[in-house]
Amino acid sequence: MANLTIRNIPEELMQCLRELSQSERRSLNNQIIVILEKGVEVDMHEKERSSISVEAQTKVWNALAGEWKDNRSTEETITDIMNHRTQGRKIDIER
């Protein structure tokens, strides 16, 4: 089996890992492996779900083209999009 060294783990995270390993009755090493396995499994599952071929995307977009109905004005639509974006990044939409 391979070995891995992780540096600069925040103390708060380390404390959470210790507490979790104690509550789960696992060694710290085994607990970290369990967490990594779960994280990789979730990540791989999300990638499988989100990976769609270009051809499939194009087919979906062509089917939707001209079908979207919205009674809002362009300004209302833009405002709605802007209000639902992730905070913390700047967006510049030319109007």
N, C-alpha and C. Protein backbone atom coordinates (compact mmCIF):
# COMPACT_ATOMS: atom_id res chain seq x y z
N MET A 1 0.84 -1.19 0.00
CA MET A 1 0.00 0.00 0.00
C MET A 1 0.87 1.24 0.00
N ALA A 2 0.33 2.28 -0.56
CA ALA A 2 1.06 3.54 -0.66
C ALA A 2 0.94 4.34 0.64
N ASN A 3 1.88 5.24 0.83
CA ASN A 3 1.85 6.16 1.96
C ASN A 3 1.68 7.57 1.45
N LEU A 4 1.10 8.41 2.27
CA LEU A 4 0.84 9.79 1.90
C LEU A 4 1.10 10.68 3.11
N THR A 5 1.80 11.78 2.88
CA THR A 5 2.03 12.75 3.94
C THR A 5 1.25 14.01 3.60
N ILE A 6 0.48 14.48 4.55
CA ILE A 6 -0.30 15.71 4.35
C ILE A 6 0.23 16.74 5.33
N ARG A 7 0.58 17.89 4.81
CA ARG A 7 1.13 18.96 5.65
C ARG A 7 0.13 20.10 5.80
N ASN A 8 0.36 20.90 6.81
CA ASN A 8 -0.39 22.14 7.05
C ASN A 8 -1.89 21.91 7.23
N ILE A 9 -2.25 20.88 7.96
CA ILE A 9 -3.65 20.64 8.27
C ILE A 9 -4.06 21.64 9.34
N PRO A 10 -5.10 22.40 9.11
CA PRO A 10 -5.55 23.35 10.13
C PRO A 10 -5.89 22.62 11.43
N GLU A 11 -5.52 23.22 12.55
CA GLU A 11 -5.71 22.58 13.85
C GLU A 11 -7.18 22.25 14.10
N GLU A 12 -8.07 23.14 13.69
CA GLU A 12 -9.51 22.90 13.89
C GLU A 12 -9.96 21.65 13.13
N LEU A 13 -9.48 21.49 11.91
CA LEU A 13 -9.80 20.29 11.12
C LEU A 13 -9.21 19.05 11.78
N MET A 14 -7.99 19.15 12.24
CA MET A 14 -7.33 18.02 12.89
C MET A 14 -8.12 17.58 14.12
N GLN A 15 -8.59 18.54 14.89
CA GLN A 15 -9.37 18.22 16.09
C GLN A 15 -10.68 17.52 15.70
N CYS A 16 -11.32 18.00 14.64
CA CYS A 16 -12.56 17.36 14.18
C CYS A 16 -12.29 15.92 13.74
N LEU A 17 -11.17 15.71 13.04
CA LEU A 17 -10.81 14.36 12.61
C LEU A 17 -10.56 13.45 13.81
N ARG A 18 -9.88 13.96 14.80
CA ARG A 18 -9.61 13.16 16.01
C ARG A 18 -10.92 12.78 16.71
N GLU A 19 -11.80 13.76 16.87
CA GLU A 19 -13.08 13.50 17.54
C GLU A 19 -13.92 12.50 16.75
N LEU A 20 -13.93 12.66 15.43
CA LEU A 20 -14.71 11.76 14.59
C LEU A 20 -14.15 10.34 14.66
N SER A 21 -12.84 10.22 14.62
CA SER A 21 -12.23 8.88 14.68
C SER A 21 -12.53 8.21 16.02
N GLN A 22 -12.54 8.99 17.10
CA GLN A 22 -12.87 8.42 18.41
C GLN A 22 -14.33 7.98 18.46
N SER A 23 -15.21 8.82 17.96
CA SER A 23 -16.64 8.48 18.01
C SER A 23 -16.97 7.29 17.11
N GLU A 24 -16.21 7.11 16.04
CA GLU A 24 -16.43 5.98 15.13
C GLU A 24 -15.60 4.75 15.52
N ARG A 25 -14.80 4.91 16.60
CA ARG A 25 -13.94 3.82 17.10
C ARG A 25 -12.99 3.31 16.02
N ARG A 26 -12.38 4.28 15.34
CA ARG A 26 -11.38 3.96 14.32
C ARG A 26 -10.09 4.68 14.67
N SER A 27 -9.00 4.18 14.12
CA SER A 27 -7.76 4.93 14.25
C SER A 27 -7.89 6.18 13.39
N LEU A 28 -7.10 7.18 13.69
CA LEU A 28 -7.13 8.41 12.91
C LEU A 28 -6.83 8.10 11.45
N ASN A 29 -5.85 7.25 11.20
CA ASN A 29 -5.49 6.88 9.84
C ASN A 29 -6.67 6.23 9.11
N ASN A 30 -7.32 5.26 9.76
CA ASN A 30 -8.46 4.58 9.13
C ASN A 30 -9.62 5.53 8.89
N GLN A 31 -9.85 6.45 9.81
CA GLN A 31 -10.93 7.40 9.65
C GLN A 31 -10.68 8.29 8.43
N ILE A 32 -9.45 8.74 8.27
CA ILE A 32 -9.11 9.58 7.12
C ILE A 32 -9.28 8.81 5.82
N ILE A 33 -8.91 7.53 5.81
CA ILE A 33 -9.10 6.71 4.61
C ILE A 33 -10.58 6.58 4.28
N VAL A 34 -11.42 6.36 5.29
CA VAL A 34 -12.87 6.26 5.08
C VAL A 34 -13.41 7.56 4.47
N ILE A 35 -12.98 8.68 5.02
CA ILE A 35 -13.44 9.98 4.52
C ILE A 35 -12.98 10.19 3.07
N LEU A 36 -11.73 9.85 2.78
CA LEU A 36 -11.22 9.99 1.41
C LEU A 36 -11.99 9.09 0.44
N GLU A 37 -12.24 7.84 0.85
CA GLU A 37 -12.99 6.93 -0.02
C GLU A 37 -14.38 7.47 -0.32
N LYS A 38 -15.07 7.97 0.70
CA LYS A 38 -16.41 8.53 0.48
C LYS A 38 -16.35 9.75 -0.43
N GLY A 39 -15.36 10.60 -0.21
CA GLY A 39 -15.24 11.80 -1.03
C GLY A 39 -14.95 11.48 -2.48
N VAL A 40 -14.07 10.53 -2.72
CA VAL A 40 -13.75 10.13 -4.09
C VAL A 40 -14.97 9.49 -4.75
N GLU A 41 -15.69 8.67 -4.01
CA GLU A 41 -16.89 8.03 -4.55
C GLU A 41 -17.93 9.08 -4.97
N VAL A 42 -18.16 10.05 -4.12
CA VAL A 42 -19.12 11.12 -4.43
C VAL A 42 -18.65 11.92 -5.63
N ASP A 43 -17.36 12.26 -5.65
CA ASP A 43 -16.81 13.05 -6.75
C ASP A 43 -16.93 12.30 -8.08
N MET A 44 -16.61 11.02 -8.09
CA MET A 44 -16.71 10.23 -9.31
C MET A 44 -18.16 10.11 -9.77
N HIS A 45 -19.07 9.94 -8.82
CA HIS A 45 -20.48 9.82 -9.15
C HIS A 45 -20.99 11.13 -9.77
N GLU A 46 -20.60 12.25 -9.20
CA GLU A 46 -21.01 13.55 -9.75
C GLU A 46 -20.45 13.76 -11.14
N LYS A 47 -19.22 13.36 -11.37
CA LYS A 47 -18.62 13.51 -12.71
C LYS A 47 -19.34 12.64 -13.72
N GLU A 48 -19.73 11.43 -13.33
CA GLU A 48 -20.47 10.54 -14.23
C GLU A 48 -21.81 11.14 -14.60
N ARG A 49 -22.49 11.73 -13.62
CA ARG A 49 -23.80 12.32 -13.87
C ARG A 49 -23.70 13.56 -14.72
N SER A 50 -22.63 14.35 -14.51
CA SER A 50 -22.54 15.63 -15.20
C SER A 50 -21.86 15.53 -16.55
N SER A 51 -21.22 14.39 -16.84
CA SER A 51 -20.54 14.28 -18.11
C SER A 51 -21.54 13.86 -19.18
N ILE A 52 -21.76 14.75 -20.10
CA ILE A 52 -22.68 14.50 -21.20
C ILE A 52 -21.92 14.85 -22.48
N SER A 53 -22.07 14.05 -23.46
CA SER A 53 -21.32 14.26 -24.69
C SER A 53 -21.75 15.55 -25.36
N VAL A 54 -20.87 16.06 -26.18
CA VAL A 54 -21.17 17.28 -26.93
C VAL A 54 -22.39 17.05 -27.82
N GLU A 55 -22.46 15.89 -28.42
CA GLU A 55 -23.59 15.57 -29.29
C GLU A 55 -24.91 15.59 -28.51
N ALA A 56 -24.89 15.00 -27.31
CA ALA A 56 -26.10 14.97 -26.49
C ALA A 56 -26.49 16.38 -26.04
N GLN A 57 -25.48 17.18 -25.65
CA GLN A 57 -25.77 18.57 -25.26
C GLN A 57 -26.39 19.33 -26.43
N THR A 58 -25.80 19.18 -27.60
CA THR A 58 -26.30 19.88 -28.79
C THR A 58 -27.74 19.47 -29.08
N LYS A 59 -28.03 18.18 -28.97
CA LYS A 59 -29.39 17.69 -29.21
C LYS A 59 -30.39 18.31 -28.23
N VAL A 60 -30.01 18.37 -26.95
CA VAL A 60 -30.88 18.97 -25.93
C VAL A 60 -31.09 20.45 -26.21
N TRP A 61 -29.99 21.16 -26.51
CA TRP A 61 -30.10 22.60 -26.77
C TRP A 61 -30.95 22.88 -28.01
N ASN A 62 -30.80 22.06 -29.04
CA ASN A 62 -31.61 22.24 -30.24
C ASN A 62 -33.09 22.01 -29.95
N ALA A 63 -33.36 21.04 -29.09
CA ALA A 63 -34.76 20.77 -28.73
C ALA A 63 -35.35 21.93 -27.93
N LEU A 64 -34.52 22.59 -27.12
CA LEU A 64 -35.00 23.70 -26.30
C LEU A 64 -35.06 25.02 -27.07
N ALA A 65 -34.30 25.13 -28.13
CA ALA A 65 -34.20 26.39 -28.86
C ALA A 65 -35.58 26.85 -29.31
N GLY A 66 -35.92 28.07 -28.93
CA GLY A 66 -37.20 28.64 -29.31
C GLY A 66 -38.37 28.15 -28.47
N GLU A 67 -38.14 27.27 -27.53
CA GLU A 67 -39.21 26.71 -26.71
C GLU A 67 -39.36 27.40 -25.36
N TRP A 68 -38.36 28.14 -24.95
CA TRP A 68 -38.37 28.76 -23.64
C TRP A 68 -39.35 29.91 -23.62
N LYS A 69 -40.29 29.85 -22.71
CA LYS A 69 -41.30 30.91 -22.58
C LYS A 69 -41.04 31.65 -21.27
N ASP A 70 -40.96 32.96 -21.34
CA ASP A 70 -40.72 33.77 -20.16
C ASP A 70 -41.38 35.12 -20.36
N ASN A 71 -42.24 35.49 -19.44
CA ASN A 71 -42.96 36.75 -19.56
C ASN A 71 -42.19 37.93 -19.01
N ARG A 72 -41.01 37.66 -18.43
CA ARG A 72 -40.22 38.75 -17.86
C ARG A 72 -39.53 39.54 -18.97
N SER A 73 -39.23 40.80 -18.63
CA SER A 73 -38.45 41.62 -19.56
C SER A 73 -36.99 41.16 -19.51
N THR A 74 -36.22 41.61 -20.47
CA THR A 74 -34.79 41.28 -20.50
C THR A 74 -34.12 41.75 -19.21
N GLU A 75 -34.45 42.97 -18.78
CA GLU A 75 -33.87 43.52 -17.55
C GLU A 75 -34.21 42.65 -16.34
N GLU A 76 -35.46 42.21 -16.25
CA GLU A 76 -35.87 41.36 -15.13
C GLU A 76 -35.12 40.03 -15.15
N THR A 77 -34.94 39.48 -16.33
CA THR A 77 -34.22 38.21 -16.47
C THR A 77 -32.77 38.38 -16.04
N ILE A 78 -32.12 39.44 -16.50
CA ILE A 78 -30.72 39.70 -16.14
C ILE A 78 -30.59 39.91 -14.64
N THR A 79 -31.50 40.68 -14.06
CA THR A 79 -31.48 40.93 -12.62
C THR A 79 -31.62 39.62 -11.85
N ASP A 80 -32.52 38.76 -12.29
CA ASP A 80 -32.72 37.47 -11.65
C ASP A 80 -31.46 36.62 -11.73
N ILE A 81 -30.82 36.58 -12.89
CA ILE A 81 -29.58 35.82 -13.05
C ILE A 81 -28.50 36.37 -12.13
N MET A 82 -28.35 37.68 -12.12
CA MET A 82 -27.31 38.31 -11.29
C MET A 82 -27.55 38.02 -9.80
N ASN A 83 -28.80 38.05 -9.38
CA ASN A 83 -29.12 37.82 -7.96
C ASN A 83 -28.91 36.38 -7.52
N HIS A 84 -28.87 35.46 -8.46
CA HIS A 84 -28.71 34.05 -8.11
C HIS A 84 -27.29 33.53 -8.35
N ARG A 85 -26.39 34.39 -8.72
CA ARG A 85 -25.01 33.96 -8.92
C ARG A 85 -24.30 33.83 -7.59
N THR A 86 -23.26 33.03 -7.57
CA THR A 86 -22.44 32.84 -6.39
C THR A 86 -21.78 34.16 -6.02
N GLN A 87 -21.90 34.51 -4.75
CA GLN A 87 -21.28 35.75 -4.28
C GLN A 87 -19.76 35.61 -4.28
N GLY A 88 -19.07 36.73 -4.43
CA GLY A 88 -17.64 36.71 -4.31
C GLY A 88 -16.89 36.79 -5.61
N ARG A 89 -17.58 36.70 -6.72
CA ARG A 89 -16.88 36.85 -7.99
C ARG A 89 -17.54 37.96 -8.78
N LYS A 90 -16.73 38.72 -9.47
CA LYS A 90 -17.24 39.85 -10.22
C LYS A 90 -17.72 39.40 -11.58
N ILE A 91 -18.82 39.99 -12.02
CA ILE A 91 -19.39 39.65 -13.30
C ILE A 91 -19.59 40.96 -14.07
N ASP A 92 -19.25 40.93 -15.33
CA ASP A 92 -19.45 42.11 -16.16
C ASP A 92 -20.26 41.68 -17.37
N ILE A 93 -21.53 42.03 -17.37
CA ILE A 93 -22.38 41.73 -18.50
C ILE A 93 -22.60 43.01 -19.27
N GLU A 94 -22.16 43.01 -20.52
CA GLU A 94 -22.36 44.19 -21.35
C GLU A 94 -23.80 44.21 -21.81
N ARG A 95 -24.40 45.39 -21.71
CA ARG A 95 -25.82 45.49 -22.12
C ARG A 95 -25.92 46.32 -23.36
